[in-house]
């Protein structure tokens, strides 16, 4: 990762220097047991999940309701068809909806 033939204090400092420079961080001047090459980096917290537009959500729910209606037993449970995602355009369906259908089939 540091592209060095020998692992020495100077070779580590030189290898880390270029990477810190790319990130806009100050170079490390010394390396000891308490030095962290991550000094100066900030961590990002996970952002809130993306919002689903109401129109898309309504369309997905309508499609799901239609699929469930088609698989409802008519006379007895022996006549019921298994619930499987058979939409020809299921690639457009949000992952959570597809995963839900697959996990309940």
PDB file of N, CA and C in Angstrom:
ATOM      1  N   UNK A   1       0.812  -1.174   0.000  1.00  0.00           N
ATOM      2  CA  UNK A   1       0.000   0.000   0.000  1.00  0.00           C
ATOM      3  C   UNK A   1       0.872   1.260   0.000  1.00  0.00           C
ATOM      4  N   UNK A   2       1.999   1.185   0.644  1.00  0.00           N
ATOM      5  CA  UNK A   2       2.895   2.337   0.662  1.00  0.00           C
ATOM      6  C   UNK A   2       3.931   2.283  -0.452  1.00  0.00           C
ATOM      7  N   UNK A   3       3.966   1.223  -1.217  1.00  0.00           N
ATOM      8  CA  UNK A   3       4.909   1.062  -2.329  1.00  0.00           C
ATOM      9  C   UNK A   3       6.351   1.301  -1.894  1.00  0.00           C
ATOM     10  N   UNK A   4       6.770   0.586  -0.872  1.00  0.00           N
ATOM     11  CA  UNK A   4       8.136   0.729  -0.378  1.00  0.00           C
ATOM     12  C   UNK A   4       8.774  -0.647  -0.250  1.00  0.00           C
ATOM     13  N   UNK A   5      10.058  -0.720  -0.577  1.00  0.00           N
ATOM     14  CA  UNK A   5      10.773  -1.996  -0.495  1.00  0.00           C
ATOM     15  C   UNK A   5      11.099  -2.346   0.945  1.00  0.00           C
ATOM     16  N   UNK A   6      11.436  -1.345   1.745  1.00  0.00           N
ATOM     17  CA  UNK A   6      11.761  -1.561   3.159  1.00  0.00           C
ATOM     18  C   UNK A   6      10.841  -0.722   4.016  1.00  0.00           C
ATOM     19  N   UNK A   7      10.423  -1.298   5.114  1.00  0.00           N
ATOM     20  CA  UNK A   7       9.540  -0.588   6.031  1.00  0.00           C
ATOM     21  C   UNK A   7      10.385   0.118   7.083  1.00  0.00           C
ATOM     22  N   UNK A   8      10.661   1.374   6.804  1.00  0.00           N
ATOM     23  CA  UNK A   8      11.422   2.185   7.744  1.00  0.00           C
ATOM     24  C   UNK A   8      10.586   3.412   8.102  1.00  0.00           C
ATOM     25  N   UNK A   9      11.012   4.113   9.129  1.00  0.00           N
ATOM     26  CA  UNK A   9      10.312   5.306   9.565  1.00  0.00           C
ATOM     27  C   UNK A   9      10.187   6.308   8.412  1.00  0.00           C
ATOM     28  N   UNK A  10      11.284   6.548   7.726  1.00  0.00           N
ATOM     29  CA  UNK A  10      11.286   7.528   6.638  1.00  0.00           C
ATOM     30  C   UNK A  10      10.442   7.067   5.450  1.00  0.00           C
ATOM     31  N   UNK A  11      10.493   5.766   5.117  1.00  0.00           N
ATOM     32  CA  UNK A  11       9.711   5.287   3.970  1.00  0.00           C
ATOM     33  C   UNK A  11       8.210   5.383   4.259  1.00  0.00           C
ATOM     34  N   UNK A  12       7.803   5.141   5.512  1.00  0.00           N
ATOM     35  CA  UNK A  12       6.399   5.280   5.891  1.00  0.00           C
ATOM     36  C   UNK A  12       5.992   6.747   5.813  1.00  0.00           C
ATOM     37  N   UNK A  13       6.825   7.634   6.357  1.00  0.00           N
ATOM     38  CA  UNK A  13       6.516   9.071   6.298  1.00  0.00           C
ATOM     39  C   UNK A  13       6.397   9.549   4.852  1.00  0.00           C
ATOM     40  N   UNK A  14       7.296   9.108   3.991  1.00  0.00           N
ATOM     41  CA  UNK A  14       7.263   9.510   2.583  1.00  0.00           C
ATOM     42  C   UNK A  14       6.000   8.975   1.890  1.00  0.00           C
ATOM     43  N   UNK A  15       5.649   7.732   2.170  1.00  0.00           N
ATOM     44  CA  UNK A  15       4.461   7.129   1.559  1.00  0.00           C
ATOM     45  C   UNK A  15       3.176   7.787   2.025  1.00  0.00           C
ATOM     46  N   UNK A  16       3.106   8.105   3.300  1.00  0.00           N
ATOM     47  CA  UNK A  16       1.911   8.722   3.868  1.00  0.00           C
ATOM     48  C   UNK A  16       1.809  10.182   3.420  1.00  0.00           C
ATOM     49  N   UNK A  17       2.953  10.826   3.230  1.00  0.00           N
ATOM     50  CA  UNK A  17       2.970  12.247   2.869  1.00  0.00           C
ATOM     51  C   UNK A  17       2.183  12.507   1.584  1.00  0.00           C
ATOM     52  N   UNK A  18       2.427  11.713   0.561  1.00  0.00           N
ATOM     53  CA  UNK A  18       1.746  11.942  -0.722  1.00  0.00           C
ATOM     54  C   UNK A  18       0.241  11.715  -0.608  1.00  0.00           C
ATOM     55  N   UNK A  19      -0.154  10.737   0.172  1.00  0.00           N
ATOM     56  CA  UNK A  19      -1.583  10.468   0.340  1.00  0.00           C
ATOM     57  C   UNK A  19      -2.269  11.564   1.149  1.00  0.00           C
ATOM     58  N   UNK A  20      -1.599  12.050   2.178  1.00  0.00           N
ATOM     59  CA  UNK A  20      -2.154  13.142   2.982  1.00  0.00           C
ATOM     60  C   UNK A  20      -2.238  14.422   2.150  1.00  0.00           C
ATOM     61  N   UNK A  21      -1.272  14.601   1.265  1.00  0.00           N
ATOM     62  CA  UNK A  21      -1.277  15.774   0.391  1.00  0.00           C
ATOM     63  C   UNK A  21      -2.481  15.736  -0.548  1.00  0.00           C
ATOM     64  N   UNK A  22      -2.785  14.548  -1.102  1.00  0.00           N
ATOM     65  CA  UNK A  22      -3.952  14.392  -1.971  1.00  0.00           C
ATOM     66  C   UNK A  22      -5.248  14.742  -1.243  1.00  0.00           C
ATOM     67  N   UNK A  23      -5.291  14.447   0.050  1.00  0.00           N
ATOM     68  CA  UNK A  23      -6.487  14.712   0.842  1.00  0.00           C
ATOM     69  C   UNK A  23      -6.522  16.126   1.408  1.00  0.00           C
ATOM     70  N   UNK A  24      -5.475  16.891   1.169  1.00  0.00           N
ATOM     71  CA  UNK A  24      -5.420  18.255   1.673  1.00  0.00           C
ATOM     72  C   UNK A  24      -5.085  18.331   3.154  1.00  0.00           C
ATOM     73  N   UNK A  25      -4.417  17.313   3.678  1.00  0.00           N
ATOM     74  CA  UNK A  25      -4.028  17.280   5.087  1.00  0.00           C
ATOM     75  C   UNK A  25      -2.584  17.729   5.244  1.00  0.00           C
ATOM     76  N   UNK A  26      -2.250  18.183   6.431  1.00  0.00           N
ATOM     77  CA  UNK A  26      -0.870  18.579   6.697  1.00  0.00           C
ATOM     78  C   UNK A  26       0.013  17.340   6.741  1.00  0.00           C
ATOM     79  N   UNK A  27       1.254  17.458   6.274  1.00  0.00           N
ATOM     80  CA  UNK A  27       2.144  16.292   6.289  1.00  0.00           C
ATOM     81  C   UNK A  27       2.567  15.941   7.716  1.00  0.00           C
ATOM     82  N   UNK A  28       2.826  14.668   7.924  1.00  0.00           N
ATOM     83  CA  UNK A  28       3.355  14.227   9.223  1.00  0.00           C
ATOM     84  C   UNK A  28       4.850  14.510   9.242  1.00  0.00           C
ATOM     85  N   UNK A  29       5.337  15.038  10.357  1.00  0.00           N
ATOM     86  CA  UNK A  29       6.765  15.347  10.464  1.00  0.00           C
ATOM     87  C   UNK A  29       7.523  14.286  11.226  1.00  0.00           C
ATOM     88  N   UNK A  30       6.797  13.517  12.043  1.00  0.00           N
ATOM     89  CA  UNK A  30       7.458  12.485  12.841  1.00  0.00           C
ATOM     90  C   UNK A  30       6.530  11.287  12.948  1.00  0.00           C
ATOM     91  N   UNK A  31       7.107  10.148  13.217  1.00  0.00           N
ATOM     92  CA  UNK A  31       6.345   8.920  13.348  1.00  0.00           C
ATOM     93  C   UNK A  31       6.793   8.214  14.616  1.00  0.00           C
ATOM     94  N   UNK A  32       5.874   8.050  15.571  1.00  0.00           N
ATOM     95  CA  UNK A  32       6.190   7.310  16.790  1.00  0.00           C
ATOM     96  C   UNK A  32       5.003   6.403  17.123  1.00  0.00           C
ATOM     97  N   UNK A  33       5.039   5.792  18.271  1.00  0.00           N
ATOM     98  CA  UNK A  33       4.015   4.821  18.652  1.00  0.00           C
ATOM     99  C   UNK A  33       2.625   5.440  18.765  1.00  0.00           C
ATOM    100  N   UNK A  34       2.536   6.739  19.013  1.00  0.00           N
ATOM    101  CA  UNK A  34       1.241   7.398  19.174  1.00  0.00           C
ATOM    102  C   UNK A  34       0.783   8.162  17.934  1.00  0.00           C
ATOM    103  N   UNK A  35       1.520   8.075  16.848  1.00  0.00           N
ATOM    104  CA  UNK A  35       1.163   8.790  15.625  1.00  0.00           C
ATOM    105  C   UNK A  35       0.061   8.032  14.886  1.00  0.00           C
ATOM    106  N   UNK A  36      -0.930   8.777  14.446  1.00  0.00           N
ATOM    107  CA  UNK A  36      -1.997   8.195  13.627  1.00  0.00           C
ATOM    108  C   UNK A  36      -1.951   8.849  12.260  1.00  0.00           C
ATOM    109  N   UNK A  37      -1.900   8.027  11.216  1.00  0.00           N
ATOM    110  CA  UNK A  37      -1.884   8.581   9.869  1.00  0.00           C
ATOM    111  C   UNK A  37      -3.257   9.149   9.506  1.00  0.00           C
ATOM    112  N   UNK A  38      -4.250   8.902  10.341  1.00  0.00           N
ATOM    113  CA  UNK A  38      -5.594   9.414  10.110  1.00  0.00           C
ATOM    114  C   UNK A  38      -5.833  10.779  10.747  1.00  0.00           C
ATOM    115  N   UNK A  39      -4.840  11.323  11.445  1.00  0.00           N
ATOM    116  CA  UNK A  39      -5.004  12.634  12.077  1.00  0.00           C
ATOM    117  C   UNK A  39      -5.452  13.660  11.053  1.00  0.00           C
ATOM    118  N   UNK A  40      -6.497  14.388  11.392  1.00  0.00           N
ATOM    119  CA  UNK A  40      -7.001  15.425  10.506  1.00  0.00           C
ATOM    120  C   UNK A  40      -8.162  14.983   9.643  1.00  0.00           C
ATOM    121  N   UNK A  41      -8.372  13.691   9.538  1.00  0.00           N
ATOM    122  CA  UNK A  41      -9.510  13.198   8.764  1.00  0.00           C
ATOM    123  C   UNK A  41     -10.771  13.331   9.599  1.00  0.00           C
ATOM    124  N   UNK A  42     -11.864  13.620   8.954  1.00  0.00           N
ATOM    125  CA  UNK A  42     -13.152  13.642   9.651  1.00  0.00           C
ATOM    126  C   UNK A  42     -13.959  12.461   9.166  1.00  0.00           C
ATOM    127  N   UNK A  43     -14.780  11.955  10.037  1.00  0.00           N
ATOM    128  CA  UNK A  43     -15.643  10.839   9.652  1.00  0.00           C
ATOM    129  C   UNK A  43     -17.013  11.387   9.318  1.00  0.00           C
ATOM    130  N   UNK A  44     -17.656  10.740   8.396  1.00  0.00           N
ATOM    131  CA  UNK A  44     -19.009  11.134   8.034  1.00  0.00           C
ATOM    132  C   UNK A  44     -19.975  10.115   8.610  1.00  0.00           C
ATOM    133  N   UNK A  45     -21.061  10.602   9.109  1.00  0.00           N
ATOM    134  CA  UNK A  45     -22.086   9.694   9.630  1.00  0.00           C
ATOM    135  C   UNK A  45     -22.987   9.285   8.483  1.00  0.00           C
ATOM    136  N   UNK A  46     -23.613   8.170   8.651  1.00  0.00           N
ATOM    137  CA  UNK A  46     -24.513   7.682   7.614  1.00  0.00           C
ATOM    138  C   UNK A  46     -25.664   8.667   7.440  1.00  0.00           C
ATOM    139  N   UNK A  47     -25.935   9.003   6.212  1.00  0.00           N
ATOM    140  CA  UNK A  47     -27.015   9.944   5.948  1.00  0.00           C
ATOM    141  C   UNK A  47     -28.351   9.230   6.037  1.00  0.00           C
ATOM    142  N   UNK A  48     -29.377  10.012   6.143  1.00  0.00           N
ATOM    143  CA  UNK A  48     -30.721   9.458   6.201  1.00  0.00           C
ATOM    144  C   UNK A  48     -31.014   8.752   4.882  1.00  0.00           C
ATOM    145  N   UNK A  49     -31.808   7.701   4.941  1.00  0.00           N
ATOM    146  CA  UNK A  49     -32.127   7.001   3.697  1.00  0.00           C
ATOM    147  C   UNK A  49     -32.826   7.941   2.713  1.00  0.00           C
ATOM    148  N   UNK A  50     -32.629   7.683   1.444  1.00  0.00           N
ATOM    149  CA  UNK A  50     -33.225   8.526   0.419  1.00  0.00           C
ATOM    150  C   UNK A  50     -34.746   8.490   0.465  1.00  0.00           C
ATOM    151  N   UNK A  51     -35.330   9.580   0.084  1.00  0.00           N
ATOM    152  CA  UNK A  51     -36.789   9.673   0.079  1.00  0.00           C
ATOM    153  C   UNK A  51     -37.328   9.055  -1.200  1.00  0.00           C
ATOM    154  N   UNK A  52     -38.486   8.448  -1.092  1.00  0.00           N
ATOM    155  CA  UNK A  52     -39.149   7.857  -2.238  1.00  0.00           C
ATOM    156  C   UNK A  52     -40.264   8.815  -2.653  1.00  0.00           C
ATOM    157  N   UNK A  53     -40.291   9.222  -3.909  1.00  0.00           N
ATOM    158  CA  UNK A  53     -41.370  10.108  -4.356  1.00  0.00           C
ATOM    159  C   UNK A  53     -42.737   9.445  -4.159  1.00  0.00           C
ATOM    160  N   UNK A  54     -43.720  10.230  -3.768  1.00  0.00           N
ATOM    161  CA  UNK A  54     -45.060   9.687  -3.511  1.00  0.00           C
ATOM    162  C   UNK A  54     -45.648   9.001  -4.741  1.00  0.00           C
ATOM    163  N   UNK A  55     -45.420   9.564  -5.914  1.00  0.00           N
ATOM    164  CA  UNK A  55     -45.968   8.967  -7.137  1.00  0.00           C
ATOM    165  C   UNK A  55     -45.403   7.565  -7.334  1.00  0.00           C
ATOM    166  N   UNK A  56     -44.087   7.407  -7.148  1.00  0.00           N
ATOM    167  CA  UNK A  56     -43.454   6.101  -7.310  1.00  0.00           C
ATOM    168  C   UNK A  56     -43.948   5.131  -6.247  1.00  0.00           C
ATOM    169  N   UNK A  57     -44.042   5.589  -4.998  1.00  0.00           N
ATOM    170  CA  UNK A  57     -44.517   4.729  -3.916  1.00  0.00           C
ATOM    171  C   UNK A  57     -45.944   4.277  -4.174  1.00  0.00           C
ATOM    172  N   UNK A  58     -46.793   5.186  -4.628  1.00  0.00           N
ATOM    173  CA  UNK A  58     -48.182   4.827  -4.915  1.00  0.00           C
ATOM    174  C   UNK A  58     -48.257   3.800  -6.043  1.00  0.00           C
ATOM    175  N   UNK A  59     -47.444   3.982  -7.076  1.00  0.00           N
ATOM    176  CA  UNK A  59     -47.428   3.029  -8.192  1.00  0.00           C
ATOM    177  C   UNK A  59     -46.938   1.657  -7.735  1.00  0.00           C
ATOM    178  N   UNK A  60     -45.909   1.625  -6.898  1.00  0.00           N
ATOM    179  CA  UNK A  60     -45.393   0.355  -6.388  1.00  0.00           C
ATOM    180  C   UNK A  60     -46.425  -0.351  -5.517  1.00  0.00           C
ATOM    181  N   UNK A  61     -47.129   0.420  -4.683  1.00  0.00           N
ATOM    182  CA  UNK A  61     -48.173  -0.181  -3.834  1.00  0.00           C
ATOM    183  C   UNK A  61     -49.320  -0.716  -4.674  1.00  0.00           C
ATOM    184  N   UNK A  62     -49.705   0.002  -5.718  1.00  0.00           N
ATOM    185  CA  UNK A  62     -50.768  -0.474  -6.596  1.00  0.00           C
ATOM    186  C   UNK A  62     -50.360  -1.779  -7.276  1.00  0.00           C
ATOM    187  N   UNK A  63     -49.115  -1.841  -7.723  1.00  0.00           N
ATOM    188  CA  UNK A  63     -48.618  -3.060  -8.358  1.00  0.00           C
ATOM    189  C   UNK A  63     -48.598  -4.220  -7.362  1.00  0.00           C
ATOM    190  N   UNK A  64     -48.185  -3.943  -6.145  1.00  0.00           N
ATOM    191  CA  UNK A  64     -48.152  -4.978  -5.109  1.00  0.00           C
ATOM    192  C   UNK A  64     -49.559  -5.458  -4.779  1.00  0.00           C
ATOM    193  N   UNK A  65     -50.496  -4.517  -4.652  1.00  0.00           N
ATOM    194  CA  UNK A  65     -51.885  -4.909  -4.364  1.00  0.00           C
ATOM    195  C   UNK A  65     -52.446  -5.792  -5.477  1.00  0.00           C
ATOM    196  N   UNK A  66     -52.161  -5.432  -6.717  1.00  0.00           N
ATOM    197  CA  UNK A  66     -52.633  -6.227  -7.844  1.00  0.00           C
ATOM    198  C   UNK A  66     -52.024  -7.628  -7.812  1.00  0.00           C
ATOM    199  N   UNK A  67     -50.732  -7.713  -7.511  1.00  0.00           N
ATOM    200  CA  UNK A  67     -50.075  -9.026  -7.427  1.00  0.00           C
ATOM    201  C   UNK A  67     -50.682  -9.854  -6.299  1.00  0.00           C
ATOM    202  N   UNK A  68     -50.928  -9.233  -5.172  1.00  0.00           N
ATOM    203  CA  UNK A  68     -51.535  -9.963  -4.048  1.00  0.00           C
ATOM    204  C   UNK A  68     -52.954 -10.390  -4.379  1.00  0.00           C
ATOM    205  N   UNK A  69     -53.705  -9.559  -5.081  1.00  0.00           N
ATOM    206  CA  UNK A  69     -55.068  -9.900  -5.455  1.00  0.00           C
ATOM    207  C   UNK A  69     -55.091 -11.127  -6.369  1.00  0.00           C
ATOM    208  N   UNK A  70     -54.131 -11.206  -7.293  1.00  0.00           N
ATOM    209  CA  UNK A  70     -54.082 -12.340  -8.222  1.00  0.00           C
ATOM    210  C   UNK A  70     -53.740 -13.648  -7.516  1.00  0.00           C
ATOM    211  N   UNK A  71     -53.046 -13.589  -6.394  1.00  0.00           N
ATOM    212  CA  UNK A  71     -52.615 -14.804  -5.714  1.00  0.00           C
ATOM    213  C   UNK A  71     -53.496 -15.161  -4.522  1.00  0.00           C
ATOM    214  N   UNK A  72     -54.576 -14.467  -4.344  1.00  0.00           N
ATOM    215  CA  UNK A  72     -55.506 -14.763  -3.261  1.00  0.00           C
ATOM    216  C   UNK A  72     -56.261 -16.045  -3.586  1.00  0.00           C
ATOM    217  N   UNK A  73     -56.433 -16.953  -2.619  1.00  0.00           N
ATOM    218  CA  UNK A  73     -57.176 -18.186  -2.906  1.00  0.00           C
ATOM    219  C   UNK A  73     -58.639 -17.872  -3.229  1.00  0.00           C
ATOM    220  N   UNK A  74     -59.179 -18.591  -4.216  1.00  0.00           N
ATOM    221  CA  UNK A  74     -60.557 -18.340  -4.618  1.00  0.00           C
ATOM    222  C   UNK A  74     -61.534 -19.282  -3.914  1.00  0.00           C
ATOM    223  N   UNK A  75     -61.242 -20.566  -3.861  1.00  0.00           N
ATOM    224  CA  UNK A  75     -62.157 -21.530  -3.235  1.00  0.00           C
ATOM    225  C   UNK A  75     -61.560 -22.149  -1.980  1.00  0.00           C
ATOM    226  N   UNK A  76     -60.353 -22.640  -2.092  1.00  0.00           N
ATOM    227  CA  UNK A  76     -59.697 -23.252  -0.943  1.00  0.00           C
ATOM    228  C   UNK A  76     -58.204 -23.010  -1.048  1.00  0.00           C
ATOM    229  N   UNK A  77     -57.507 -23.298   0.018  1.00  0.00           N
ATOM    230  CA  UNK A  77     -56.072 -23.049   0.018  1.00  0.00           C
ATOM    231  C   UNK A  77     -55.335 -23.917  -0.988  1.00  0.00           C
ATOM    232  N   UNK A  78     -55.914 -25.070  -1.381  1.00  0.00           N
ATOM    233  CA  UNK A  78     -55.236 -25.918  -2.370  1.00  0.00           C
ATOM    234  C   UNK A  78     -55.261 -25.290  -3.757  1.00  0.00           C
ATOM    235  N   UNK A  79     -56.198 -24.333  -3.997  1.00  0.00           N
ATOM    236  CA  UNK A  79     -56.261 -23.639  -5.275  1.00  0.00           C
ATOM    237  C   UNK A  79     -55.332 -22.429  -5.340  1.00  0.00           C
ATOM    238  N   UNK A  80     -54.777 -22.046  -4.212  1.00  0.00           N
ATOM    239  CA  UNK A  80     -53.954 -20.835  -4.163  1.00  0.00           C
ATOM    240  C   UNK A  80     -52.654 -21.035  -4.920  1.00  0.00           C
ATOM    241  N   UNK A  81     -52.236 -19.983  -5.622  1.00  0.00           N
ATOM    242  CA  UNK A  81     -50.957 -20.015  -6.322  1.00  0.00           C
ATOM    243  C   UNK A  81     -49.895 -19.429  -5.396  1.00  0.00           C
ATOM    244  N   UNK A  82     -48.651 -19.891  -5.519  1.00  0.00           N
ATOM    245  CA  UNK A  82     -47.590 -19.318  -4.679  1.00  0.00           C
ATOM    246  C   UNK A  82     -47.329 -17.865  -5.062  1.00  0.00           C
ATOM    247  N   UNK A  83     -46.973 -17.072  -4.075  1.00  0.00           N
ATOM    248  CA  UNK A  83     -46.667 -15.658  -4.303  1.00  0.00           C
ATOM    249  C   UNK A  83     -45.229 -15.534  -4.766  1.00  0.00           C
ATOM    250  N   UNK A  84     -45.057 -15.182  -6.030  1.00  0.00           N
ATOM    251  CA  UNK A  84     -43.717 -14.992  -6.580  1.00  0.00           C
ATOM    252  C   UNK A  84     -43.704 -13.704  -7.385  1.00  0.00           C
ATOM    253  N   UNK A  85     -42.582 -12.993  -7.380  1.00  0.00           N
ATOM    254  CA  UNK A  85     -42.507 -11.762  -8.171  1.00  0.00           C
ATOM    255  C   UNK A  85     -42.429 -12.103  -9.654  1.00  0.00           C
ATOM    256  N   UNK A  86     -43.508 -11.840 -10.396  1.00  0.00           N
ATOM    257  CA  UNK A  86     -43.534 -12.193 -11.815  1.00  0.00           C
ATOM    258  C   UNK A  86     -43.707 -10.983 -12.705  1.00  0.00           C
ATOM    259  N   UNK A  87     -43.536  -9.784 -12.152  1.00  0.00           N
ATOM    260  CA  UNK A  87     -43.665  -8.580 -12.968  1.00  0.00           C
ATOM    261  C   UNK A  87     -42.598  -8.579 -14.049  1.00  0.00           C
ATOM    262  N   UNK A  88     -42.960  -8.328 -15.287  1.00  0.00           N
ATOM    263  CA  UNK A  88     -41.941  -8.285 -16.341  1.00  0.00           C
ATOM    264  C   UNK A  88     -40.968  -7.127 -16.169  1.00  0.00           C
ATOM    265  N   UNK A  89     -41.382  -6.069 -15.506  1.00  0.00           N
ATOM    266  CA  UNK A  89     -40.490  -4.927 -15.308  1.00  0.00           C
ATOM    267  C   UNK A  89     -40.078  -4.799 -13.845  1.00  0.00           C
ATOM    268  N   UNK A  90     -39.829  -5.947 -13.196  1.00  0.00           N
ATOM    269  CA  UNK A  90     -39.472  -5.929 -11.774  1.00  0.00           C
ATOM    270  C   UNK A  90     -38.122  -5.262 -11.528  1.00  0.00           C
ATOM    271  N   UNK A  91     -37.308  -5.055 -12.561  1.00  0.00           N
ATOM    272  CA  UNK A  91     -36.027  -4.361 -12.372  1.00  0.00           C
ATOM    273  C   UNK A  91     -36.270  -2.919 -11.954  1.00  0.00           C
ATOM    274  N   UNK A  92     -37.430  -2.362 -12.336  1.00  0.00           N
ATOM    275  CA  UNK A  92     -37.740  -0.986 -11.969  1.00  0.00           C
ATOM    276  C   UNK A  92     -38.286  -0.888 -10.547  1.00  0.00           C
ATOM    277  N   UNK A  93     -38.668  -2.016  -9.972  1.00  0.00           N
ATOM    278  CA  UNK A  93     -39.231  -2.011  -8.634  1.00  0.00           C
ATOM    279  C   UNK A  93     -38.130  -1.727  -7.617  1.00  0.00           C
ATOM    280  N   UNK A  94     -38.400  -0.885  -6.602  1.00  0.00           N
ATOM    281  CA  UNK A  94     -37.374  -0.609  -5.585  1.00  0.00           C
ATOM    282  C   UNK A  94     -36.889  -1.890  -4.936  1.00  0.00           C
ATOM    283  N   UNK A  95     -35.636  -1.903  -4.540  1.00  0.00           N
ATOM    284  CA  UNK A  95     -35.027  -3.102  -3.962  1.00  0.00           C
ATOM    285  C   UNK A  95     -35.803  -3.604  -2.755  1.00  0.00           C
ATOM    286  N   UNK A  96     -36.276  -2.707  -1.912  1.00  0.00           N
ATOM    287  CA  UNK A  96     -36.982  -3.151  -0.715  1.00  0.00           C
ATOM    288  C   UNK A  96     -38.250  -3.886  -1.089  1.00  0.00           C
ATOM    289  N   UNK A  97     -38.966  -3.427  -2.102  1.00  0.00           N
ATOM    290  CA  UNK A  97     -40.193  -4.100  -2.506  1.00  0.00           C
ATOM    291  C   UNK A  97     -39.891  -5.468  -3.096  1.00  0.00           C
ATOM    292  N   UNK A  98     -38.864  -5.544  -3.956  1.00  0.00           N
ATOM    293  CA  UNK A  98     -38.482  -6.820  -4.543  1.00  0.00           C
ATOM    294  C   UNK A  98     -38.017  -7.791  -3.469  1.00  0.00           C
ATOM    295  N   UNK A  99     -37.213  -7.311  -2.534  1.00  0.00           N
ATOM    296  CA  UNK A  99     -36.727  -8.167  -1.448  1.00  0.00           C
ATOM    297  C   UNK A  99     -37.896  -8.657  -0.605  1.00  0.00           C
ATOM    298  N   UNK A 100     -38.862  -7.793  -0.364  1.00  0.00           N
ATOM    299  CA  UNK A 100     -40.037  -8.191   0.413  1.00  0.00           C
ATOM    300  C   UNK A 100     -40.784  -9.303  -0.299  1.00  0.00           C
ATOM    301  N   UNK A 101     -41.020  -9.137  -1.606  1.00  0.00           N
ATOM    302  CA  UNK A 101     -41.742 -10.155  -2.356  1.00  0.00           C
ATOM    303  C   UNK A 101     -40.984 -11.480  -2.361  1.00  0.00           C
ATOM    304  N   UNK A 102     -39.679 -11.417  -2.565  1.00  0.00           N
ATOM    305  CA  UNK A 102     -38.886 -12.639  -2.614  1.00  0.00           C
ATOM    306  C   UNK A 102     -38.829 -13.335  -1.257  1.00  0.00           C
ATOM    307  N   UNK A 103     -38.792 -12.564  -0.191  1.00  0.00           N
ATOM    308  CA  UNK A 103     -38.697 -13.187   1.129  1.00  0.00           C
ATOM    309  C   UNK A 103     -40.008 -13.788   1.579  1.00  0.00           C
ATOM    310  N   UNK A 104     -41.109 -13.410   0.938  1.00  0.00           N
ATOM    311  CA  UNK A 104     -42.408 -13.934   1.325  1.00  0.00           C
ATOM    312  C   UNK A 104     -42.981 -14.876   0.281  1.00  0.00           C
ATOM    313  N   UNK A 105     -42.123 -15.420  -0.558  1.00  0.00           N
ATOM    314  CA  UNK A 105     -42.644 -16.334  -1.578  1.00  0.00           C
ATOM    315  C   UNK A 105     -42.501 -17.763  -1.110  1.00  0.00           C
TER     316      UNK A 105
END
